[in-house]
Amino acid sequence: MQTIYTTLQSTARDAVLRDRVKHGREQRDNIKLHQ
């Protein structure tokens, strides 16, 4: 049971990091468009 919980935690963390990276890319694109 503990291993499943740890896997879920790391998966959630990966998803958050992936969203941050994606959001950062979008922000960079928006800045380029506005300049």
N, C-alpha and C. Protein backbone atom coordinates (compact mmCIF):
# COMPACT_ATOMS: atom_id res chain seq x y z
N MET A 1 0.85 -1.21 0.00
CA MET A 1 0.00 0.00 0.00
C MET A 1 0.87 1.25 0.00
N GLN A 2 1.95 1.21 0.76
CA GLN A 2 2.82 2.38 0.83
C GLN A 2 3.43 2.72 -0.52
N THR A 3 3.82 1.69 -1.29
CA THR A 3 4.45 1.94 -2.58
C THR A 3 3.47 2.60 -3.54
N ILE A 4 2.21 2.17 -3.50
CA ILE A 4 1.20 2.78 -4.38
C ILE A 4 1.06 4.26 -4.03
N TYR A 5 0.99 4.57 -2.75
CA TYR A 5 0.83 5.95 -2.31
C TYR A 5 2.01 6.80 -2.77
N THR A 6 3.23 6.26 -2.64
CA THR A 6 4.42 6.99 -3.06
C THR A 6 4.39 7.22 -4.57
N THR A 7 3.96 6.21 -5.32
CA THR A 7 3.87 6.35 -6.77
C THR A 7 2.89 7.44 -7.14
N LEU A 8 1.74 7.46 -6.46
CA LEU A 8 0.75 8.50 -6.75
C LEU A 8 1.32 9.87 -6.45
N GLN A 9 2.04 9.99 -5.34
CA GLN A 9 2.63 11.28 -4.97
C GLN A 9 3.60 11.76 -6.04
N SER A 10 4.50 10.88 -6.49
CA SER A 10 5.50 11.28 -7.47
C SER A 10 4.83 11.59 -8.81
N THR A 11 3.78 10.85 -9.16
CA THR A 11 3.07 11.13 -10.41
C THR A 11 2.43 12.51 -10.34
N ALA A 12 1.81 12.82 -9.22
CA ALA A 12 1.18 14.13 -9.06
C ALA A 12 2.23 15.23 -9.15
N ARG A 13 3.39 14.99 -8.53
CA ARG A 13 4.46 16.00 -8.57
C ARG A 13 4.92 16.20 -10.01
N ASP A 14 5.08 15.10 -10.76
CA ASP A 14 5.49 15.21 -12.15
C ASP A 14 4.48 16.02 -12.95
N ALA A 15 3.19 15.77 -12.70
CA ALA A 15 2.14 16.49 -13.43
C ALA A 15 2.22 17.99 -13.13
N VAL A 16 2.45 18.33 -11.87
CA VAL A 16 2.55 19.74 -11.49
C VAL A 16 3.75 20.38 -12.19
N LEU A 17 4.89 19.69 -12.17
CA LEU A 17 6.07 20.24 -12.82
C LEU A 17 5.84 20.40 -14.31
N ARG A 18 5.19 19.41 -14.93
CA ARG A 18 4.92 19.48 -16.36
C ARG A 18 4.02 20.68 -16.65
N ASP A 19 2.99 20.90 -15.82
CA ASP A 19 2.11 22.04 -16.01
C ASP A 19 2.87 23.34 -15.88
N ARG A 20 3.78 23.42 -14.91
CA ARG A 20 4.57 24.64 -14.72
C ARG A 20 5.42 24.92 -15.95
N VAL A 21 6.05 23.87 -16.48
CA VAL A 21 6.89 24.04 -17.67
C VAL A 21 6.03 24.51 -18.84
N LYS A 22 4.89 23.88 -19.01
CA LYS A 22 4.00 24.25 -20.11
C LYS A 22 3.55 25.70 -19.94
N HIS A 23 3.17 26.06 -18.72
CA HIS A 23 2.71 27.42 -18.45
C HIS A 23 3.83 28.42 -18.70
N GLY A 24 5.04 28.06 -18.30
CA GLY A 24 6.19 28.94 -18.54
C GLY A 24 6.40 29.16 -20.02
N ARG A 25 6.26 28.10 -20.83
CA ARG A 25 6.42 28.22 -22.27
C ARG A 25 5.36 29.16 -22.83
N GLU A 26 4.11 28.99 -22.37
CA GLU A 26 3.03 29.83 -22.86
C GLU A 26 3.30 31.29 -22.52
N GLN A 27 3.76 31.54 -21.31
CA GLN A 27 4.07 32.92 -20.90
C GLN A 27 5.16 33.50 -21.80
N ARG A 28 6.20 32.70 -22.09
CA ARG A 28 7.29 33.18 -22.93
C ARG A 28 6.76 33.51 -24.33
N ASP A 29 5.87 32.65 -24.85
CA ASP A 29 5.29 32.91 -26.17
C ASP A 29 4.47 34.20 -26.15
N ASN A 30 3.71 34.40 -25.08
CA ASN A 30 2.90 35.61 -24.98
C ASN A 30 3.77 36.86 -24.96
N ILE A 31 4.89 36.79 -24.23
CA ILE A 31 5.80 37.93 -24.15
C ILE A 31 6.34 38.23 -25.55
N LYS A 32 6.73 37.18 -26.28
CA LYS A 32 7.23 37.38 -27.64
C LYS A 32 6.18 38.05 -28.51
N LEU A 33 4.92 37.62 -28.37
CA LEU A 33 3.86 38.17 -29.21
C LEU A 33 3.63 39.65 -28.88
N HIS A 34 3.73 40.01 -27.62
CA HIS A 34 3.43 41.38 -27.21
C HIS A 34 4.55 42.35 -27.57
N GLN A 35 5.77 41.85 -27.75
CA GLN A 35 6.88 42.75 -28.02
C GLN A 35 6.84 43.29 -29.44
